[in-house]
Amino acid sequence: MDPLTVVGAGRTASGKRFAFYLSVQLSSVLVPGLVAVTCLTALVLRAERPRDFGSAVSRAAQSVRGPAVILVDVSWLAAAYVLGYVGREVAFRLLGIVERLSARHRTTLPLCRELEGVYGQEAVRRCLLVHPLLAHFLRSATYDSPGSEALRLPGGALRVGQVYEAFTYAKSWLRQHNPALAPDPLEAEINILVSTLMPLILGTWVLISLASLSAAAASAAVGAAVAVAGVVIAQVLRLRRNECWEALRNLLEDHEMRLAAVRLPAAPSSAACSGDDAQGDSAA
């Protein structure tokens, strides 16, 4: 491959990666942040005028005119981004605590044995011969990782360890060489699901405050919110484990598919086919 092709492919991959990052930030940070800022504003206005909430909202809207609209819009977006980012990070921290307390999402079975149980020892051996660094990570990698180190602590409440390093290697390789098999959709889904927890909490609070619900109705709303949050957390825990497995599985399958493509017999060329047809016509 010539240098210009390499540079062009790198730029294309970087552009796609930035577009993915931007879409994740918009969907899991900015949008939930806008919901949260709106909910907090409603709560503040409600606290300021508990008996005249409608007129308080109307006066607040009328007071923003002219150039102040631009300043308010920018400040609103900035506050939404900051609040959405902080809310997502707090939710990830809580998720990490739940994950550590849940024995269901920990195992002592090495990842190599898990892969060999599905794909066989020969397929795993062929793949790891091409990826010796991944083989090093997988030799003793388990989901029950050791204590974290400051310089290696990843984001998103992920636990440092050989599992994380193997997952990162597989994901990075797929993003560079076969983006169609990269687990990016799972990563986006995890971020979006985690970011819904803060709007869910604030939305329930606003509903109880503004609707003047009875004690029974308020308890039912809180119970429904807790149930939804439990479903979201359970789904995120499952997706976090699936994301790691899918990255390793897709890397192994990518390697096997490349071997299969090399071993396939070459298809007859169009020139050869047309030559055979011409000989047949002349013989006729």
Protein backbone atom coordinates (compact mmCIF):
# COMPACT_ATOMS: atom_id res chain seq x y z
CA MET A 1 0.00 0.00 0.00
CA ASP A 2 1.46 3.36 -1.01
CA PRO A 3 1.93 6.13 1.60
CA LEU A 4 -0.83 8.33 0.21
CA THR A 5 -3.34 5.49 0.51
CA VAL A 6 -2.26 4.88 4.09
CA VAL A 7 -2.67 8.57 4.97
CA GLY A 8 -6.09 8.70 3.28
CA ALA A 9 -7.30 5.59 5.10
CA GLY A 10 -6.07 7.01 8.40
CA ARG A 11 -7.93 10.26 7.84
CA THR A 12 -11.12 8.40 6.94
CA ALA A 13 -10.88 6.26 10.08
CA SER A 14 -10.21 9.33 12.22
CA GLY A 15 -13.21 11.12 10.71
CA LYS A 16 -15.52 8.18 11.41
CA ARG A 17 -14.19 7.89 14.94
CA PHE A 18 -14.77 11.60 15.59
CA ALA A 19 -18.31 11.34 14.20
CA PHE A 20 -18.98 8.40 16.53
CA TYR A 21 -17.55 10.33 19.50
CA LEU A 22 -19.65 13.38 18.64
CA SER A 23 -22.85 11.34 18.34
CA VAL A 24 -22.19 9.67 21.71
CA GLN A 25 -21.57 13.05 23.37
CA LEU A 26 -24.76 14.50 21.93
CA SER A 27 -26.95 11.54 22.84
CA SER A 28 -25.50 10.64 26.24
CA VAL A 29 -24.34 14.03 27.58
CA LEU A 30 -26.01 17.01 25.92
CA VAL A 31 -29.56 15.68 25.54
CA PRO A 32 -29.81 14.30 29.12
CA GLY A 33 -28.17 17.50 30.34
CA LEU A 34 -30.83 19.60 28.62
CA VAL A 35 -33.53 17.53 30.30
CA ALA A 36 -31.80 17.90 33.66
CA VAL A 37 -31.35 21.67 33.35
CA THR A 38 -34.99 22.04 32.35
CA CYS A 39 -36.12 19.97 35.33
CA LEU A 40 -33.93 21.95 37.74
CA THR A 41 -35.22 25.24 36.34
CA ALA A 42 -38.79 24.07 36.81
CA LEU A 43 -38.02 23.09 40.41
CA VAL A 44 -36.43 26.48 41.13
CA LEU A 45 -39.40 28.35 39.68
CA ARG A 46 -41.74 26.12 41.61
CA ALA A 47 -39.88 26.82 44.85
CA GLU A 48 -39.90 30.57 44.13
CA ARG A 49 -43.65 30.75 43.47
CA PRO A 50 -45.28 27.53 44.67
CA ARG A 51 -48.82 28.83 44.10
CA ASP A 52 -48.26 30.64 40.80
CA PHE A 53 -45.93 28.41 38.81
CA GLY A 54 -47.45 29.22 35.41
CA SER A 55 -47.03 32.96 35.73
CA ALA A 56 -43.48 32.48 37.05
CA VAL A 57 -42.58 30.56 33.90
CA SER A 58 -44.26 33.18 31.72
CA ARG A 59 -42.40 36.07 33.38
CA ALA A 60 -39.09 34.23 33.13
CA ALA A 61 -39.63 33.68 29.41
CA GLN A 62 -40.65 37.30 28.79
CA SER A 63 -37.65 38.66 30.65
CA VAL A 64 -35.26 37.11 28.10
CA ARG A 65 -35.28 39.38 25.03
CA GLY A 66 -32.89 40.75 22.44
CA PRO A 67 -29.17 39.94 22.75
CA ALA A 68 -29.82 38.27 26.11
CA VAL A 69 -31.36 35.35 24.23
CA ILE A 70 -27.98 34.38 22.79
CA LEU A 71 -26.30 34.58 26.19
CA VAL A 72 -29.04 32.51 27.80
CA ASP A 73 -28.92 29.90 25.03
CA VAL A 74 -25.14 29.52 25.26
CA SER A 75 -25.26 29.36 29.06
CA TRP A 76 -28.10 26.85 28.87
CA LEU A 77 -26.13 24.58 26.52
CA ALA A 78 -22.95 24.90 28.58
CA ALA A 79 -24.78 24.08 31.81
CA ALA A 80 -26.52 21.17 30.09
CA TYR A 81 -23.23 19.72 28.87
CA VAL A 82 -21.54 20.05 32.25
CA LEU A 83 -24.50 18.66 34.15
CA GLY A 84 -24.98 15.83 31.64
CA TYR A 85 -21.31 14.88 31.82
CA VAL A 86 -21.24 14.92 35.62
CA GLY A 87 -24.50 12.97 35.79
CA ARG A 88 -23.19 10.29 33.45
CA GLU A 89 -19.92 9.98 35.39
CA VAL A 90 -21.75 9.67 38.72
CA ALA A 91 -24.01 7.02 37.21
CA PHE A 92 -20.97 5.09 35.97
CA ARG A 93 -19.45 5.24 39.45
CA LEU A 94 -22.62 3.87 41.01
CA LEU A 95 -22.72 1.22 38.31
CA GLY A 96 -19.15 0.22 39.15
CA ILE A 97 -20.09 -0.24 42.79
CA VAL A 98 -23.07 -2.39 41.86
CA GLU A 99 -20.89 -4.44 39.53
CA ARG A 100 -18.33 -5.09 42.25
CA LEU A 101 -21.05 -6.20 44.65
CA SER A 102 -22.69 -8.49 42.11
CA ALA A 103 -21.05 -11.94 42.07
CA ARG A 104 -23.06 -12.78 38.95
CA HIS A 105 -20.89 -10.49 36.85
CA ARG A 106 -17.57 -11.87 38.08
CA THR A 107 -15.92 -15.11 37.12
CA THR A 108 -12.60 -16.85 37.65
CA LEU A 109 -12.67 -18.65 34.30
CA PRO A 110 -9.80 -17.39 32.09
CA LEU A 111 -10.89 -15.76 28.86
CA CYS A 112 -8.74 -18.13 26.81
CA ARG A 113 -10.74 -21.07 28.08
CA GLU A 114 -13.99 -19.27 27.31
CA LEU A 115 -12.89 -18.62 23.73
CA GLU A 116 -11.57 -22.17 23.31
CA GLY A 117 -14.84 -23.57 24.60
CA VAL A 118 -16.70 -21.84 21.75
CA TYR A 119 -14.21 -21.80 18.86
CA GLY A 120 -11.79 -24.59 19.73
CA GLN A 121 -8.13 -24.54 20.68
CA GLU A 122 -6.81 -24.49 17.11
CA ALA A 123 -8.74 -21.38 16.08
CA VAL A 124 -7.67 -19.52 19.23
CA ARG A 125 -4.06 -20.63 18.77
CA ARG A 126 -3.97 -19.43 15.15
CA CYS A 127 -5.35 -16.03 16.14
CA LEU A 128 -3.02 -15.55 19.10
CA LEU A 129 0.03 -16.42 17.00
CA VAL A 130 -0.77 -13.32 14.95
CA HIS A 131 -1.55 -11.24 18.07
CA PRO A 132 1.14 -12.11 20.65
CA LEU A 133 0.31 -9.10 22.83
CA LEU A 134 -3.30 -10.25 23.07
CA ALA A 135 -2.04 -13.72 23.98
CA HIS A 136 -0.06 -12.18 26.83
CA PHE A 137 -3.17 -10.42 28.14
CA LEU A 138 -5.35 -13.52 27.90
CA ARG A 139 -3.03 -16.00 29.62
CA SER A 140 -4.22 -15.12 33.10
CA ALA A 141 -7.02 -12.65 32.42
CA THR A 142 -10.20 -13.00 34.47
CA TYR A 143 -13.11 -10.66 35.12
CA ASP A 144 -12.10 -10.50 38.79
CA SER A 145 -9.38 -7.91 38.20
CA PRO A 146 -6.86 -6.72 40.82
CA GLY A 147 -6.73 -3.29 42.42
CA SER A 148 -6.44 -0.27 40.16
CA GLU A 149 -3.33 1.79 39.51
CA ALA A 150 -3.53 5.55 39.14
CA LEU A 151 -1.90 5.77 35.71
CA ARG A 152 -3.95 2.91 34.23
CA LEU A 153 -7.35 3.73 35.70
CA PRO A 154 -9.80 3.76 32.75
CA GLY A 155 -12.95 5.82 32.48
CA GLY A 156 -16.54 4.73 32.72
CA ALA A 157 -15.92 2.92 36.05
CA LEU A 158 -14.12 0.13 34.18
CA ARG A 159 -11.75 -1.96 36.30
CA VAL A 160 -8.11 -2.06 35.37
CA GLY A 161 -6.64 -5.48 34.67
CA GLN A 162 -5.75 -7.92 31.92
CA VAL A 163 -9.39 -8.25 30.83
CA TYR A 164 -9.59 -4.53 30.20
CA GLU A 165 -6.26 -4.53 28.33
CA ALA A 166 -7.33 -7.45 26.15
CA PHE A 167 -10.68 -5.79 25.45
CA THR A 168 -9.01 -2.49 24.53
CA TYR A 169 -6.53 -4.21 22.22
CA ALA A 170 -9.26 -6.13 20.39
CA LYS A 171 -11.52 -3.07 20.10
CA SER A 172 -8.71 -0.82 18.85
CA TRP A 173 -7.57 -3.38 16.28
CA LEU A 174 -11.09 -3.84 14.92
CA ARG A 175 -11.67 -0.10 14.72
CA GLN A 176 -8.52 0.30 12.67
CA HIS A 177 -8.74 -2.76 10.41
CA ASN A 178 -12.40 -3.86 10.35
CA PRO A 179 -14.74 -1.16 11.72
CA ALA A 180 -17.82 -3.19 10.74
CA LEU A 181 -16.99 -5.69 13.50
CA ALA A 182 -16.02 -3.14 16.18
CA PRO A 183 -18.33 -3.13 19.24
CA ASP A 184 -19.08 0.58 18.88
CA PRO A 185 -22.91 0.14 18.89
CA LEU A 186 -22.70 -1.54 22.30
CA GLU A 187 -20.48 1.24 23.64
CA ALA A 188 -22.96 3.86 22.44
CA GLU A 189 -25.90 1.95 23.92
CA ILE A 190 -24.16 1.64 27.29
CA ASN A 191 -23.44 5.38 27.43
CA ILE A 192 -26.99 6.29 26.44
CA LEU A 193 -28.58 3.91 28.96
CA VAL A 194 -26.37 5.12 31.81
CA SER A 195 -27.13 8.76 30.98
CA THR A 196 -30.89 8.17 31.41
CA LEU A 197 -30.59 7.68 35.19
CA MET A 198 -30.19 11.37 36.07
CA PRO A 199 -33.13 12.58 33.90
CA LEU A 200 -35.20 9.73 35.35
CA ILE A 201 -34.52 10.86 38.92
CA LEU A 202 -35.07 14.56 38.23
CA GLY A 203 -38.12 13.88 36.07
CA THR A 204 -39.73 11.87 38.87
CA TRP A 205 -38.95 14.67 41.31
CA VAL A 206 -40.52 17.27 38.99
CA LEU A 207 -43.59 15.08 38.48
CA ILE A 208 -44.15 14.72 42.21
CA SER A 209 -43.53 18.43 42.86
CA LEU A 210 -45.57 19.96 40.05
CA ALA A 211 -48.45 17.51 39.87
CA SER A 212 -49.19 17.72 43.61
CA LEU A 213 -49.65 13.96 43.82
CA SER A 214 -51.10 12.20 46.80
CA ALA A 215 -48.87 10.09 49.00
CA ALA A 216 -50.00 6.89 47.31
CA ALA A 217 -49.49 8.29 43.79
CA ALA A 218 -46.09 9.72 44.73
CA SER A 219 -45.03 6.37 46.18
CA ALA A 220 -46.18 4.64 43.01
CA ALA A 221 -44.18 7.10 40.88
CA VAL A 222 -41.05 6.55 42.98
CA GLY A 223 -41.54 2.77 42.80
CA ALA A 224 -41.92 2.89 39.01
CA ALA A 225 -38.77 5.04 38.71
CA VAL A 226 -36.81 2.61 40.91
CA ALA A 227 -38.03 -0.33 38.82
CA VAL A 228 -37.01 1.39 35.58
CA ALA A 229 -33.62 2.28 37.04
CA GLY A 230 -33.14 -1.34 38.11
CA VAL A 231 -33.91 -2.59 34.61
CA VAL A 232 -31.50 -0.06 33.11
CA ILE A 233 -28.69 -1.02 35.50
CA ALA A 234 -29.22 -4.73 34.86
CA GLN A 235 -29.15 -4.15 31.11
CA VAL A 236 -25.98 -2.06 31.31
CA LEU A 237 -24.23 -4.71 33.40
CA ARG A 238 -25.09 -7.29 30.77
CA LEU A 239 -23.98 -5.06 27.90
CA ARG A 240 -20.64 -4.23 29.56
CA ARG A 241 -19.77 -7.92 29.72
CA ASN A 242 -21.10 -8.53 26.21
CA GLU A 243 -19.03 -5.63 24.86
CA CYS A 244 -15.81 -7.24 26.09
CA TRP A 245 -16.80 -10.67 24.78
CA GLU A 246 -17.93 -9.28 21.41
CA ALA A 247 -14.64 -7.45 20.86
CA LEU A 248 -12.59 -10.60 21.47
CA ARG A 249 -14.98 -12.83 19.56
CA ASN A 250 -15.10 -10.51 16.55
CA LEU A 251 -11.30 -10.25 16.47
CA LEU A 252 -11.02 -14.04 16.36
CA GLU A 253 -13.75 -14.35 13.72
CA ASP A 254 -12.14 -11.59 11.65
CA HIS A 255 -8.90 -13.58 11.66
CA GLU A 256 -10.67 -16.79 10.61
CA MET A 257 -12.62 -15.01 7.87
CA ARG A 258 -9.40 -13.57 6.46
CA LEU A 259 -7.90 -17.06 6.37
CA ALA A 260 -11.00 -18.40 4.65
CA ALA A 261 -10.86 -15.63 2.05
CA VAL A 262 -7.23 -16.56 1.25
CA ARG A 263 -8.06 -20.26 0.97
CA LEU A 264 -11.05 -19.79 -1.31
CA PRO A 265 -10.40 -20.83 -4.93
CA ALA A 266 -10.03 -17.93 -7.30
CA ALA A 267 -13.13 -17.12 -9.31
CA PRO A 268 -12.75 -17.46 -13.09
CA SER A 269 -11.93 -14.14 -14.69
CA SER A 270 -14.30 -12.50 -17.13
CA ALA A 271 -11.64 -12.60 -19.85
CA ALA A 272 -11.23 -16.34 -19.48
CA CYS A 273 -14.98 -16.84 -19.55
CA SER A 274 -15.37 -14.74 -22.69
CA GLY A 275 -12.49 -16.64 -24.34
CA ASP A 276 -14.14 -19.98 -23.58
CA ASP A 277 -17.43 -18.71 -25.01
CA ALA A 278 -15.69 -17.52 -28.17
CA GLN A 279 -14.02 -20.90 -28.66
CA GLY A 280 -17.35 -22.62 -28.20
CA ASP A 281 -19.00 -20.37 -30.78
CA SER A 282 -16.19 -20.94 -33.33
CA ALA A 283 -16.36 -24.71 -32.80
CA ALA A 284 -20.07 -24.56 -33.42
